[in-house]
Amino acid sequence: MTFAKFARTALIAAAAAAPLFADAAVYTNGSKTATFDVTLRIVADCTIAVGNMDFGQNQGVLNSTVTATSSINVTCTNTTPYNLGLNAGTGTGSSGTTRYLSGTGANTGTVQFMLNQTAGGTPWGNTQGTNTLGSVGTGAQVTHTVYGQILAQNTPAPDTYKSTITATVYF
């Protein structure tokens, strides 16, 4: 066997005997360790999502109370106190907790309505400590129901009536 052939055979044998991955090698000279921190800072935070309220699309004369509900979903970090408020809305003449739906057509008619924290209960406003709804975050979504009510009143001209309400979570 020539030296070149011997060297080539030895090289092939050495390669076959070597581990396939360098990490598979076993070291016996000792070891050292180090630690590292994995961190995350949670800050007080909330998210809010709302659903529309529809008093109906075929309402005739407003000679009796009409009710509807909507949901406000609030998710706040665990133990974060919050207040949930509703503004007066965009209806003509709306102020504080006195709210109106305004005609969307050519007429200037309005329909008065109320938004309450409970069925027939406390009016829902936007003044913290007075007429907002207070709660504490759990880290999970909490659903709050908005109770709407239109009392019997003079019925304006046929039209679609609308107000856009802004819900705010204060935390």
Protein backbone atom coordinates (compact mmCIF):
# COMPACT_ATOMS: atom_id res chain seq x y z
CA MET A 1 0.00 0.00 0.00
CA THR A 2 1.42 3.33 -0.93
CA PHE A 3 1.68 6.16 1.56
CA ALA A 4 -0.90 8.25 -0.35
CA LYS A 5 -3.37 5.36 -0.39
CA PHE A 6 -2.71 4.70 3.32
CA ALA A 7 -3.24 8.39 4.19
CA ARG A 8 -6.47 8.51 2.21
CA THR A 9 -7.77 5.35 3.95
CA ALA A 10 -6.79 6.73 7.37
CA LEU A 11 -8.51 10.03 6.62
CA ILE A 12 -11.73 8.30 5.60
CA ALA A 13 -11.64 6.13 8.74
CA ALA A 14 -11.05 9.16 10.95
CA ALA A 15 -13.93 11.04 9.35
CA ALA A 16 -16.27 8.11 9.88
CA ALA A 17 -15.30 7.85 13.53
CA ALA A 18 -15.72 11.62 14.22
CA PRO A 19 -19.08 12.83 15.56
CA LEU A 20 -21.45 14.20 12.93
CA PHE A 21 -22.02 17.41 14.91
CA ALA A 22 -19.49 19.31 16.92
CA ASP A 23 -22.06 19.68 19.74
CA ALA A 24 -22.18 15.92 20.11
CA ALA A 25 -18.66 15.87 21.47
CA VAL A 26 -18.21 15.05 25.16
CA TYR A 27 -15.91 17.32 27.14
CA THR A 28 -14.45 16.26 30.45
CA ASN A 29 -12.32 19.24 31.46
CA GLY A 30 -15.07 20.77 33.67
CA SER A 31 -17.88 23.29 33.15
CA LYS A 32 -18.88 26.83 33.99
CA THR A 33 -22.36 28.37 34.14
CA ALA A 34 -23.85 31.82 33.81
CA THR A 35 -27.37 33.05 34.29
CA PHE A 36 -29.47 35.58 32.41
CA ASP A 37 -32.75 37.31 33.21
CA VAL A 38 -35.86 37.17 31.08
CA THR A 39 -38.07 40.17 31.86
CA LEU A 40 -41.36 41.77 30.93
CA ARG A 41 -42.84 44.91 32.45
CA ILE A 42 -46.64 45.08 32.56
CA VAL A 43 -48.05 48.59 32.87
CA ALA A 44 -51.59 49.65 33.70
CA ASP A 45 -53.48 49.47 30.42
CA CYS A 46 -56.99 48.94 29.10
CA THR A 47 -58.68 48.20 25.79
CA ILE A 48 -62.27 48.94 24.91
CA ALA A 49 -64.66 47.70 22.22
CA VAL A 50 -68.33 48.62 21.81
CA GLY A 51 -71.36 47.29 19.98
CA ASN A 52 -74.05 49.38 18.31
CA MET A 53 -77.47 49.91 19.87
CA ASP A 54 -80.54 49.58 17.65
CA PHE A 55 -83.97 50.62 18.94
CA GLY A 56 -85.54 49.03 15.86
CA GLN A 57 -86.02 49.70 12.17
CA ASN A 58 -89.83 49.59 12.04
CA GLN A 59 -90.84 51.83 14.94
CA GLY A 60 -94.14 53.68 14.53
CA VAL A 61 -95.71 56.09 17.00
CA LEU A 62 -93.66 56.52 20.18
CA ASN A 63 -96.60 55.93 22.54
CA SER A 64 -94.82 53.44 24.83
CA THR A 65 -91.33 52.80 26.11
CA VAL A 66 -88.84 51.28 23.65
CA THR A 67 -85.76 49.54 25.05
CA ALA A 68 -82.51 48.20 23.64
CA THR A 69 -79.09 47.16 24.94
CA SER A 70 -75.52 47.33 23.82
CA SER A 71 -72.28 45.88 25.17
CA ILE A 72 -69.01 47.51 26.08
CA ASN A 73 -66.12 45.09 26.41
CA VAL A 74 -63.27 46.29 28.61
CA THR A 75 -60.01 44.47 29.20
CA CYS A 76 -57.70 46.02 31.79
CA THR A 77 -54.55 44.68 33.36
CA ASN A 78 -55.19 42.82 36.59
CA THR A 79 -55.85 45.13 39.60
CA THR A 80 -56.07 48.27 37.43
CA PRO A 81 -58.98 50.45 38.60
CA TYR A 82 -60.99 52.11 35.83
CA ASN A 83 -64.04 54.26 35.14
CA LEU A 84 -66.19 53.75 32.08
CA GLY A 85 -67.94 56.83 30.71
CA LEU A 86 -70.34 57.67 27.87
CA ASN A 87 -70.48 61.14 26.38
CA ALA A 88 -73.71 62.95 25.45
CA GLY A 89 -73.47 61.95 21.80
CA THR A 90 -73.82 63.84 18.55
CA GLY A 91 -77.62 64.31 18.53
CA THR A 92 -78.79 67.93 18.33
CA GLY A 93 -79.36 69.30 21.86
CA SER A 94 -77.49 66.48 23.64
CA SER A 95 -75.67 67.50 26.83
CA GLY A 96 -74.50 65.51 29.85
CA THR A 97 -76.87 62.59 30.29
CA THR A 98 -79.66 64.23 28.26
CA ARG A 99 -79.40 62.64 24.83
CA TYR A 100 -81.17 62.99 21.51
CA LEU A 101 -81.23 61.09 18.25
CA SER A 102 -81.29 63.49 15.29
CA GLY A 103 -82.97 62.95 11.94
CA THR A 104 -80.52 61.97 9.21
CA GLY A 105 -82.70 63.23 6.36
CA ALA A 106 -83.85 66.77 5.64
CA ASN A 107 -85.95 67.13 8.83
CA THR A 108 -84.63 68.58 12.07
CA GLY A 109 -86.69 66.34 14.37
CA THR A 110 -85.18 64.64 17.41
CA VAL A 111 -86.01 61.68 19.65
CA GLN A 112 -84.96 61.84 23.30
CA PHE A 113 -83.38 58.69 24.74
CA MET A 114 -81.55 57.58 27.87
CA LEU A 115 -78.53 55.36 28.46
CA ASN A 116 -78.38 53.73 31.88
CA GLN A 117 -75.91 51.61 33.85
CA THR A 118 -78.70 49.21 34.89
CA ALA A 119 -82.16 48.61 33.46
CA GLY A 120 -84.11 51.75 34.35
CA GLY A 121 -81.34 52.76 36.76
CA THR A 122 -78.52 55.27 37.01
CA PRO A 123 -78.01 57.45 33.93
CA TRP A 124 -74.63 56.84 32.30
CA GLY A 125 -72.50 59.93 31.79
CA ASN A 126 -68.89 60.93 31.36
CA THR A 127 -68.07 62.73 34.63
CA GLN A 128 -65.72 60.53 36.66
CA GLY A 129 -66.88 59.98 40.21
CA THR A 130 -70.39 61.18 39.39
CA ASN A 131 -72.01 59.17 36.61
CA THR A 132 -69.35 56.82 35.24
CA LEU A 133 -69.20 53.12 36.03
CA GLY A 134 -66.23 52.13 38.18
CA SER A 135 -64.60 48.72 38.23
CA VAL A 136 -61.24 46.97 38.57
CA GLY A 137 -59.48 45.06 35.81
CA THR A 138 -59.05 41.31 36.08
CA GLY A 139 -56.71 40.82 33.13
CA ALA A 140 -59.63 39.28 31.21
CA GLN A 141 -62.39 40.86 29.15
CA VAL A 142 -65.35 42.16 31.16
CA THR A 143 -68.63 42.91 29.40
CA HIS A 144 -70.68 45.88 30.60
CA THR A 145 -74.26 46.25 29.36
CA VAL A 146 -75.62 49.65 28.32
CA TYR A 147 -79.39 49.87 28.80
CA GLY A 148 -81.11 52.19 26.35
CA GLN A 149 -84.60 53.58 26.76
CA ILE A 150 -86.87 55.81 24.69
CA LEU A 151 -89.86 56.96 26.71
CA ALA A 152 -93.25 57.74 25.13
CA GLN A 153 -93.03 61.17 23.46
CA ASN A 154 -94.32 63.17 20.51
CA THR A 155 -93.30 61.27 17.40
CA PRO A 156 -91.28 63.25 14.85
CA ALA A 157 -91.46 62.82 11.05
CA PRO A 158 -90.51 59.46 9.52
CA ASP A 159 -86.74 59.29 9.08
CA THR A 160 -83.73 57.41 10.41
CA TYR A 161 -82.59 58.98 13.69
CA LYS A 162 -79.03 58.67 14.94
CA SER A 163 -76.52 59.76 17.57
CA THR A 164 -72.91 58.64 17.86
CA ILE A 165 -71.85 58.00 21.45
CA THR A 166 -68.20 57.89 22.51
CA ALA A 167 -67.36 55.38 25.23
CA THR A 168 -64.17 56.11 27.20
CA VAL A 169 -62.29 53.95 29.68
CA TYR A 170 -60.31 56.03 32.19
CA PHE A 171 -57.54 54.21 34.05
